[in-house]
Amino acid sequence: MGQLLYRCRPQACKRHPQWAYDAVIYELNVRQFSPEGTFAAVAAQLPRLKTLGIDIIWFMPVYPIGEERRKGSLGSYYSIRDYCAVNPEFGTFDEFRALVDEVHRLGMRAILDWVPNHTSRDAVWTSEHPEWYKRDPLTGEIATPYDWTDTAQLDYDNPQMRRGMTEAMLFWLRETAIDGFRVDMAMLEPLQFWNTCVPELEAFMDAGARGLFMLAEAEGPEFHTAAFDATYSWELHHLTVDIARGKVPAPAAALRDRLLKEGQVYPPDALRMRFTSNHDENSWSGSEFERYGAAVRQMAALTYLLPGMPLIYNGQEAASDKKLPFFEKDCVDWSGLGGESDELYRELNALRHSHAALRGGVEGGDLFAMDNSLPDKVFAVKRRAEDGLVIGVFNLSGDHADLEFHDEDFNGEFRQVGSQEPALLHSDAHFYLPPWGFFVYFK
């Protein structure tokens, strides 16, 4: 049968909207998504994203950006001046509301990036509610977290501030019909706040027969108990980058060990977000091509084979290799649309939607390792559900791999990602993979 790496069994966990289990999430940076950098320009591309196979669009912060101590000419998206308004550079509030409505009309969902740890230093709350902020004990000024000198630290010991934060989130659910939030640096706020706030947001959504989806930029099983549907799988991501850079001596074994540990700690219905890029990684560490090199395509495919939810950062489908600046205007390079990356993501998205084995949480298939003759460098896994079987084989090295499989499921006729021809597999036959090569088979 092979070693069980990840079991999808019921256990106490936040209940998810049904539409989240097979969803693909797409992070959209309005400023850099188009030359115009506007809501209208995003709206024009929504049909393409639907065709790509996107289910949830995560809009990076759309709020007005502070001017005091602003970084760069345009400032950080995460230095928010007003939680209940939109950045006029992007468009009007009505235009954003219409954009969300169009997302829904096309059968997708929209979540909004939320930044609850801090505001800009000239935010409306700093003048209306200065008592909602922490103070520097030496100067008495509003405190600044870390080296984020353009921001002001909110005080979660203040119950009125916590109430104001919840009301601001309810504002967006009510006024724009968004479907949830991605919470920036969720580990910086008391977990008890989220365990109290989110049920109130859920109650509002349930009253209108809408599901609430919550994504935490955080890692830890405790976030899934009551507040969040999905969390970042940062540790796994960093491991895959190290593997691609040749820093891990037995990469396949290390990956299996990492997944075993994760599966033992997290509730099986927890949705772990799998990714090869996001706005932070792109802006500060470079594009996925810089970080993964020749392994970039196989690592993209791997995010779909593992239990969880795959993320695409805008431009990955076009193989954009730009490192987008955080505080200035640039634009994704869309010249690669229609190329190999576009086709790969379309195929992987279609496979996720059509095969129950690849769903997240308890609705997906358990993840089993497949015995092979090169267990240290070839990562081979299978997932099965509803009479469907998906197999992934990944050569996690820069060497050629000539191997054999010893698994009863590695037999029969399969379809294959990246090929129109059927594949006939035999467990007793030699199997060849080029450096950083991979195959995804399904039936």
Protein backbone atom coordinates (compact mmCIF):
# COMPACT_ATOMS: atom_id res chain seq x y z
CA MET A 1 0.00 0.00 0.00
CA GLY A 2 2.85 2.39 0.78
CA GLN A 3 3.51 4.62 3.76
CA LEU A 4 0.61 6.81 4.86
CA LEU A 5 1.92 10.39 4.89
CA TYR A 6 -1.24 12.40 5.43
CA ARG A 7 -4.65 11.17 6.59
CA CYS A 8 -7.84 13.10 5.85
CA ARG A 9 -10.08 12.11 8.78
CA PRO A 10 -12.69 14.12 10.70
CA GLN A 11 -11.44 16.09 13.71
CA ALA A 12 -12.35 19.33 15.47
CA CYS A 13 -11.76 22.19 13.04
CA LYS A 14 -13.45 25.31 11.74
CA ARG A 15 -16.18 24.33 9.32
CA HIS A 16 -15.44 25.33 5.74
CA PRO A 17 -17.74 26.60 3.01
CA GLN A 18 -18.39 23.65 0.72
CA TRP A 19 -16.94 25.56 -2.22
CA ALA A 20 -13.54 25.81 -0.50
CA TYR A 21 -12.64 22.12 -0.66
CA ASP A 22 -11.65 21.98 -4.33
CA ALA A 23 -10.85 25.68 -4.73
CA VAL A 24 -7.78 27.22 -6.35
CA ILE A 25 -6.84 30.61 -4.91
CA TYR A 26 -5.33 33.45 -6.95
CA GLU A 27 -3.50 36.37 -5.33
CA LEU A 28 -4.14 39.59 -7.25
CA ASN A 29 -1.99 42.68 -6.80
CA VAL A 30 -4.15 45.48 -8.23
CA ARG A 31 -1.27 47.95 -8.51
CA GLN A 32 0.96 45.61 -10.55
CA PHE A 33 -1.70 43.55 -12.34
CA SER A 34 -1.97 45.96 -15.27
CA PRO A 35 -0.34 49.13 -16.62
CA GLU A 36 -3.41 51.05 -15.44
CA GLY A 37 -3.40 49.52 -11.95
CA THR A 38 -7.16 49.92 -11.59
CA PHE A 39 -10.25 47.94 -10.67
CA ALA A 40 -11.53 48.42 -14.22
CA ALA A 41 -8.41 46.80 -15.66
CA VAL A 42 -8.85 43.85 -13.29
CA ALA A 43 -12.50 43.45 -14.29
CA ALA A 44 -11.50 43.12 -17.94
CA GLN A 45 -9.36 40.07 -17.08
CA LEU A 46 -11.85 38.21 -14.90
CA PRO A 47 -13.16 36.00 -17.75
CA ARG A 48 -9.59 34.85 -18.41
CA LEU A 49 -9.10 33.96 -14.74
CA LYS A 50 -12.33 31.99 -14.78
CA THR A 51 -11.13 30.07 -17.84
CA LEU A 52 -7.79 29.45 -16.13
CA GLY A 53 -9.71 27.62 -13.42
CA ILE A 54 -9.57 30.11 -10.55
CA ASP A 55 -12.15 29.81 -7.76
CA ILE A 56 -11.11 32.39 -5.15
CA ILE A 57 -9.56 35.76 -5.94
CA TRP A 58 -7.59 37.20 -3.05
CA PHE A 59 -7.35 40.96 -3.53
CA MET A 60 -4.26 42.42 -1.93
CA PRO A 61 -5.08 45.54 0.17
CA VAL A 62 -7.25 48.00 -1.74
CA TYR A 63 -7.39 50.68 0.97
CA PRO A 64 -5.94 54.22 1.00
CA ILE A 65 -2.24 54.20 1.88
CA GLY A 66 -0.76 56.47 4.53
CA GLU A 67 1.52 59.37 3.62
CA GLU A 68 3.37 59.94 6.91
CA ARG A 69 6.78 58.22 6.71
CA ARG A 70 5.64 56.62 3.47
CA LYS A 71 8.09 54.15 1.95
CA GLY A 72 8.87 54.76 -1.71
CA SER A 73 6.71 56.95 -3.91
CA LEU A 74 3.53 54.87 -3.64
CA GLY A 75 3.88 53.36 -0.18
CA SER A 76 3.11 49.94 1.25
CA TYR A 77 -0.24 48.32 0.59
CA TYR A 78 -0.06 47.23 4.25
CA SER A 79 0.11 50.77 5.70
CA ILE A 80 -3.61 51.51 5.76
CA ARG A 81 -5.06 54.94 6.31
CA ASP A 82 -8.76 54.03 6.37
CA TYR A 83 -10.18 50.53 6.81
CA CYS A 84 -13.51 51.53 5.26
CA ALA A 85 -12.41 53.15 1.98
CA VAL A 86 -10.53 52.28 -1.21
CA ASN A 87 -7.32 53.64 -2.67
CA PRO A 88 -8.41 56.33 -5.18
CA GLU A 89 -5.50 55.29 -7.42
CA PHE A 90 -7.36 52.02 -8.01
CA GLY A 91 -10.83 53.49 -8.53
CA THR A 92 -13.95 54.22 -6.52
CA PHE A 93 -15.73 52.23 -3.85
CA ASP A 94 -18.62 51.61 -6.24
CA GLU A 95 -16.17 50.27 -8.82
CA PHE A 96 -14.76 47.82 -6.30
CA ARG A 97 -18.26 46.74 -5.31
CA ALA A 98 -19.05 46.17 -8.99
CA LEU A 99 -15.81 44.21 -9.37
CA VAL A 100 -16.80 41.85 -6.56
CA ASP A 101 -20.25 41.47 -8.13
CA GLU A 102 -18.62 40.51 -11.43
CA VAL A 103 -16.42 37.96 -9.67
CA HIS A 104 -19.60 36.40 -8.29
CA ARG A 105 -21.42 36.55 -11.62
CA LEU A 106 -18.63 34.48 -13.15
CA GLY A 107 -18.95 31.87 -10.41
CA MET A 108 -15.86 32.79 -8.41
CA ARG A 109 -15.37 34.10 -4.87
CA ALA A 110 -13.55 37.17 -3.58
CA ILE A 111 -11.59 37.62 -0.36
CA LEU A 112 -9.95 40.79 0.85
CA ASP A 113 -6.51 41.22 2.39
CA TRP A 114 -6.92 42.46 5.97
CA VAL A 115 -4.19 44.11 8.03
CA PRO A 116 -5.25 44.05 11.70
CA ASN A 117 -1.93 44.49 13.50
CA HIS A 118 -1.28 48.11 12.56
CA THR A 119 -2.45 51.10 10.54
CA SER A 120 -0.57 53.90 8.86
CA ARG A 121 0.72 56.60 11.20
CA ASP A 122 -1.77 59.10 9.79
CA ALA A 123 -4.75 56.72 9.81
CA VAL A 124 -8.17 58.09 10.69
CA TRP A 125 -8.11 56.02 13.88
CA THR A 126 -4.97 57.80 15.15
CA SER A 127 -6.94 61.03 15.45
CA GLU A 128 -10.40 59.60 16.21
CA HIS A 129 -9.25 56.93 18.67
CA PRO A 130 -5.65 57.55 19.77
CA GLU A 131 -6.28 55.35 22.83
CA TRP A 132 -6.57 52.34 20.49
CA TYR A 133 -2.79 52.33 19.93
CA LYS A 134 0.20 51.13 21.89
CA ARG A 135 2.65 53.78 23.10
CA ASP A 136 6.42 53.87 23.17
CA PRO A 137 7.24 53.82 26.92
CA LEU A 138 10.16 56.23 26.44
CA THR A 139 8.63 58.86 24.16
CA GLY A 140 4.91 58.41 24.70
CA GLU A 141 4.42 58.39 20.93
CA ILE A 142 2.37 55.77 19.14
CA ALA A 143 4.55 52.70 18.85
CA THR A 144 5.94 51.29 15.60
CA PRO A 145 6.14 47.50 15.19
CA TYR A 146 9.48 46.08 14.05
CA ASP A 147 11.11 48.27 11.39
CA TRP A 148 7.78 49.11 9.77
CA THR A 149 8.36 52.80 10.35
CA ASP A 150 5.35 53.84 8.28
CA THR A 151 2.92 52.03 10.60
CA ALA A 152 1.28 52.44 14.01
CA GLN A 153 0.80 49.50 16.41
CA LEU A 154 -2.77 48.75 17.50
CA ASP A 155 -3.48 47.73 21.10
CA TYR A 156 -5.48 44.51 21.41
CA ASP A 157 -5.74 44.98 25.17
CA ASN A 158 -8.31 47.67 24.39
CA PRO A 159 -11.80 46.12 24.05
CA GLN A 160 -13.12 49.12 22.13
CA MET A 161 -10.37 48.69 19.55
CA ARG A 162 -11.23 45.00 19.18
CA ARG A 163 -14.86 45.96 18.67
CA GLY A 164 -13.87 48.55 16.08
CA MET A 165 -11.80 45.98 14.18
CA THR A 166 -14.71 43.54 14.06
CA GLU A 167 -17.08 46.27 12.89
CA ALA A 168 -14.68 47.27 10.12
CA MET A 169 -14.60 43.69 8.84
CA LEU A 170 -18.38 43.47 9.00
CA PHE A 171 -18.53 46.67 6.95
CA TRP A 172 -16.87 44.95 3.97
CA LEU A 173 -19.02 41.83 4.25
CA ARG A 174 -22.10 43.99 4.29
CA GLU A 175 -21.20 46.66 1.72
CA THR A 176 -19.36 44.63 -0.92
CA ALA A 177 -20.52 41.02 -0.43
CA ILE A 178 -16.95 39.70 -0.29
CA ASP A 179 -16.62 36.09 0.82
CA GLY A 180 -13.93 36.40 3.47
CA PHE A 181 -10.48 37.67 4.35
CA ARG A 182 -6.81 36.86 4.12
CA VAL A 183 -5.43 38.06 7.46
CA ASP A 184 -1.97 39.57 7.35
CA MET A 185 0.42 38.36 10.08
CA ALA A 186 -2.42 36.67 11.95
CA MET A 187 -0.07 35.39 14.66
CA LEU A 188 0.56 38.95 15.90
CA GLU A 189 -2.96 39.32 17.29
CA PRO A 190 -4.29 37.32 20.26
CA LEU A 191 -5.82 34.09 18.99
CA GLN A 192 -8.72 34.66 21.34
CA PHE A 193 -9.64 37.75 19.34
CA TRP A 194 -10.00 35.67 16.18
CA ASN A 195 -11.85 32.91 18.01
CA THR A 196 -14.38 35.53 19.09
CA CYS A 197 -14.45 37.72 15.98
CA VAL A 198 -14.78 35.05 13.29
CA PRO A 199 -17.94 33.38 14.68
CA GLU A 200 -19.59 36.80 14.58
CA LEU A 201 -18.55 37.23 10.96
CA GLU A 202 -19.80 33.71 10.23
CA ALA A 203 -23.16 34.46 11.83
CA PHE A 204 -23.56 37.46 9.55
CA MET A 205 -22.70 35.38 6.48
CA ASP A 206 -24.89 32.45 7.52
CA ALA A 207 -27.87 34.79 7.86
CA GLY A 208 -27.56 35.44 4.13
CA ALA A 209 -26.75 31.81 3.27
CA ARG A 210 -23.17 32.77 2.38
CA GLY A 211 -20.08 30.91 3.49
CA LEU A 212 -17.15 32.71 5.12
CA PHE A 213 -13.59 31.81 4.11
CA MET A 214 -10.68 32.86 6.31
CA LEU A 215 -7.01 32.53 5.34
CA ALA A 216 -4.32 33.21 7.97
CA GLU A 217 -0.83 34.33 7.14
CA ALA A 218 0.34 32.12 9.96
CA GLU A 219 1.37 28.56 10.65
CA GLY A 220 0.11 26.39 13.51
CA PRO A 221 -2.76 23.98 14.16
CA GLU A 222 -4.32 26.29 16.74
CA PHE A 223 -5.43 28.69 14.01
CA HIS A 224 -7.76 26.04 12.56
CA THR A 225 -9.75 25.25 15.69
CA ALA A 226 -12.35 28.00 15.41
CA ALA A 227 -11.14 30.91 13.31
CA PHE A 228 -9.38 29.99 10.07
CA ASP A 229 -10.04 27.67 7.16
CA ALA A 230 -6.55 27.88 5.68
CA THR A 231 -3.00 28.67 6.80
CA TYR A 232 0.29 29.17 5.00
CA SER A 233 2.57 26.13 4.72
CA TRP A 234 5.74 28.22 5.09
CA GLU A 235 7.95 25.43 6.42
CA LEU A 236 7.13 23.17 3.50
CA HIS A 237 7.71 26.02 1.06
CA HIS A 238 11.15 26.78 2.48
CA LEU A 239 12.03 23.08 2.34
CA THR A 240 11.12 22.88 -1.35
CA VAL A 241 13.27 25.94 -2.10
CA ASP A 242 16.20 24.32 -0.31
CA ILE A 243 15.61 21.11 -2.25
CA ALA A 244 15.64 22.98 -5.56
CA ARG A 245 18.93 24.62 -4.56
CA GLY A 246 20.50 21.25 -3.81
CA LYS A 247 20.84 21.93 -0.09
CA VAL A 248 18.99 18.82 1.11
CA PRO A 249 21.00 15.54 0.97
CA ALA A 250 18.01 13.15 0.72
CA PRO A 251 15.28 15.44 -0.59
CA ALA A 252 12.47 12.92 -1.08
CA ALA A 253 12.97 11.50 2.40
CA ALA A 254 13.03 15.00 3.88
CA LEU A 255 9.79 15.89 2.11
CA ARG A 256 8.09 12.73 3.36
CA ASP A 257 9.26 13.46 6.90
CA ARG A 258 7.96 17.03 6.70
CA LEU A 259 4.53 15.86 5.56
CA LEU A 260 4.39 13.14 8.21
CA LYS A 261 5.05 15.71 10.94
CA GLU A 262 2.47 18.09 9.51
CA GLY A 263 -0.15 15.36 9.25
CA GLN A 264 0.40 14.41 12.88
CA VAL A 265 -0.06 17.96 14.16
CA TYR A 266 -2.74 19.59 12.02
CA PRO A 267 -6.44 18.69 12.03
CA PRO A 268 -7.05 16.66 8.85
CA ASP A 269 -9.74 19.13 7.75
CA ALA A 270 -7.24 22.01 7.94
CA LEU A 271 -6.61 23.53 4.52
CA ARG A 272 -2.87 24.19 4.19
CA MET A 273 -2.13 26.69 1.42
CA ARG A 274 0.58 25.35 -0.93
CA PHE A 275 2.55 27.78 -3.06
CA THR A 276 5.72 28.46 -4.98
CA SER A 277 5.28 32.24 -4.85
CA ASN A 278 3.31 35.07 -3.29
CA HIS A 279 3.77 38.83 -3.03
CA ASP A 280 6.31 38.61 -0.19
CA GLU A 281 8.41 35.90 -1.81
CA ASN A 282 8.35 37.66 -5.17
CA SER A 283 9.23 41.14 -3.91
CA TRP A 284 11.84 40.17 -1.32
CA SER A 285 13.27 36.83 -2.53
CA GLY A 286 12.75 37.04 -6.28
CA SER A 287 10.54 35.27 -8.77
CA GLU A 288 9.93 31.55 -8.56
CA PHE A 289 12.45 31.14 -11.40
CA GLU A 290 15.18 32.68 -9.25
CA ARG A 291 14.27 30.51 -6.27
CA TYR A 292 13.50 27.19 -7.96
CA GLY A 293 15.46 27.29 -11.21
CA ALA A 294 14.94 24.11 -13.26
CA ALA A 295 12.59 22.71 -10.61
CA VAL A 296 9.97 25.42 -11.02
CA ARG A 297 7.43 23.39 -13.02
CA GLN A 298 7.62 20.27 -10.87
CA MET A 299 7.24 22.31 -7.69
CA ALA A 300 4.15 23.99 -9.14
CA ALA A 301 2.66 20.57 -9.84
CA LEU A 302 3.58 19.38 -6.36
CA THR A 303 1.39 22.08 -4.78
CA TYR A 304 -1.61 20.38 -6.41
CA LEU A 305 -0.74 16.82 -5.38
CA LEU A 306 -0.40 17.56 -1.67
CA PRO A 307 -3.43 17.88 0.64
CA GLY A 308 -4.46 21.50 0.94
CA MET A 309 -5.21 24.39 -1.38
CA PRO A 310 -2.93 25.60 -4.20
CA LEU A 311 -2.13 29.29 -4.69
CA ILE A 312 -1.22 31.09 -7.91
CA TYR A 313 0.31 34.56 -7.60
CA ASN A 314 -0.64 36.85 -10.48
CA GLY A 315 1.78 36.42 -13.37
CA GLN A 316 2.81 32.86 -12.60
CA GLU A 317 0.48 31.61 -15.31
CA ALA A 318 2.40 33.80 -17.77
CA ALA A 319 5.82 32.69 -16.46
CA SER A 320 6.54 36.31 -15.49
CA ASP A 321 10.05 36.41 -14.04
CA LYS A 322 9.82 39.97 -12.70
CA LYS A 323 10.67 40.79 -9.11
CA LEU A 324 7.89 43.31 -8.51
CA PRO A 325 8.86 46.27 -6.29
CA PHE A 326 6.87 46.64 -3.08
CA PHE A 327 6.63 50.43 -2.92
CA GLU A 328 6.72 51.45 -6.59
CA LYS A 329 4.74 50.90 -9.77
CA ASP A 330 5.68 48.09 -12.12
CA CYS A 331 3.63 45.59 -14.07
CA VAL A 332 3.49 41.83 -14.42
CA ASP A 333 5.02 40.66 -17.69
CA TRP A 334 2.06 39.04 -19.44
CA SER A 335 3.90 38.18 -22.67
CA GLY A 336 4.01 34.50 -21.71
CA LEU A 337 0.24 34.02 -21.57
CA GLY A 338 -0.78 31.01 -23.61
CA GLY A 339 2.59 29.36 -23.07
CA GLU A 340 3.72 26.31 -21.11
CA SER A 341 3.00 27.73 -17.66
CA ASP A 342 -0.49 28.82 -18.66
CA GLU A 343 -1.24 25.36 -20.02
CA LEU A 344 0.23 23.61 -16.98
CA TYR A 345 -1.91 25.59 -14.54
CA ARG A 346 -5.03 25.06 -16.66
CA GLU A 347 -4.46 21.31 -16.64
CA LEU A 348 -3.70 21.18 -12.93
CA ASN A 349 -6.75 23.29 -12.08
CA ALA A 350 -8.99 21.08 -14.21
CA LEU A 351 -7.55 17.97 -12.56
CA ARG A 352 -8.19 19.36 -9.08
CA HIS A 353 -11.79 20.15 -9.99
CA SER A 354 -12.48 16.80 -11.62
CA HIS A 355 -10.77 14.41 -9.18
CA ALA A 356 -12.07 14.18 -5.63
CA ALA A 357 -8.74 12.72 -4.54
CA LEU A 358 -7.15 16.17 -4.87
CA ARG A 359 -9.70 18.03 -2.77
CA GLY A 360 -8.55 19.61 0.45
CA GLY A 361 -9.40 18.55 3.97
CA VAL A 362 -11.49 15.50 4.79
CA GLU A 363 -13.02 15.46 1.31
CA GLY A 364 -9.70 14.63 -0.34
CA GLY A 365 -7.87 11.34 -0.57
CA ASP A 366 -5.24 10.27 1.92
CA LEU A 367 -1.67 10.80 0.73
CA PHE A 368 0.40 7.62 0.43
CA ALA A 369 4.07 7.29 -0.46
CA MET A 370 4.80 4.83 -3.28
CA ASP A 371 7.69 2.43 -2.89
CA ASN A 372 10.39 2.89 -5.50
CA SER A 373 14.04 1.99 -5.96
CA LEU A 374 15.31 5.57 -5.42
CA PRO A 375 13.47 6.62 -2.24
CA ASP A 376 15.97 9.31 -1.26
CA LYS A 377 15.63 11.43 -4.37
CA VAL A 378 12.35 10.40 -6.05
CA PHE A 379 9.18 11.55 -4.31
CA ALA A 380 6.29 9.38 -5.47
CA VAL A 381 2.79 9.65 -3.99
CA LYS A 382 -0.77 8.62 -4.71
CA ARG A 383 -4.20 9.79 -3.63
CA ARG A 384 -7.48 7.96 -4.20
CA ALA A 385 -11.13 8.94 -3.76
CA GLU A 386 -14.46 8.13 -5.44
CA ASP A 387 -12.94 5.53 -7.78
CA GLY A 388 -10.36 8.03 -8.98
CA LEU A 389 -6.60 7.68 -8.58
CA VAL A 390 -3.92 10.35 -8.98
CA ILE A 391 -0.20 9.54 -8.94
CA GLY A 392 2.65 12.03 -8.79
CA VAL A 393 6.30 11.14 -9.43
CA PHE A 394 8.95 13.83 -8.85
CA ASN A 395 12.70 13.59 -9.39
CA LEU A 396 13.95 15.99 -6.72
CA SER A 397 17.48 16.15 -8.06
CA GLY A 398 19.59 17.45 -10.91
CA ASP A 399 20.51 13.88 -11.88
CA HIS A 400 18.81 11.43 -14.22
CA ALA A 401 16.68 8.88 -12.39
CA ASP A 402 16.26 5.32 -13.65
CA LEU A 403 14.05 3.50 -11.19
CA GLU A 404 11.51 0.78 -10.56
CA PHE A 405 8.21 0.87 -8.70
CA HIS A 406 6.95 -1.74 -6.31
CA ASP A 407 3.36 -0.64 -5.94
CA GLU A 408 0.27 -2.47 -7.17
CA ASP A 409 -1.38 0.81 -8.16
CA PHE A 410 1.43 1.58 -10.61
CA ASN A 411 -0.30 -0.55 -13.24
CA GLY A 412 -2.76 0.03 -16.03
CA GLU A 413 -3.73 2.80 -18.41
CA PHE A 414 -3.60 6.36 -17.16
CA ARG A 415 -3.98 9.84 -18.54
CA GLN A 416 -1.10 12.22 -18.01
CA VAL A 417 -0.73 15.94 -17.32
CA GLY A 418 1.13 17.51 -20.23
CA SER A 419 0.29 14.82 -22.78
CA GLN A 420 -2.69 13.85 -24.91
CA GLU A 421 -1.48 10.27 -25.19
CA PRO A 422 -2.50 7.60 -22.65
CA ALA A 423 0.25 6.14 -20.49
CA LEU A 424 0.48 2.40 -19.83
CA LEU A 425 2.23 1.77 -16.51
CA HIS A 426 3.79 -1.45 -15.22
CA SER A 427 5.14 -1.81 -11.71
CA ASP A 428 7.86 -4.20 -12.87
CA ALA A 429 9.21 -1.94 -15.62
CA HIS A 430 12.07 0.54 -15.48
CA PHE A 431 10.97 4.14 -15.26
CA TYR A 432 13.05 7.11 -16.42
CA LEU A 433 12.92 10.71 -15.21
CA PRO A 434 15.15 13.55 -16.43
CA PRO A 435 16.72 15.97 -13.92
CA TRP A 436 13.92 17.76 -12.05
CA GLY A 437 11.43 15.83 -14.15
CA PHE A 438 7.96 14.88 -13.00
CA PHE A 439 4.87 13.01 -14.10
CA VAL A 440 1.30 13.32 -12.90
CA TYR A 441 -0.92 10.37 -13.86
CA PHE A 442 -4.63 10.05 -13.26
CA LYS A 443 -7.61 7.83 -14.00
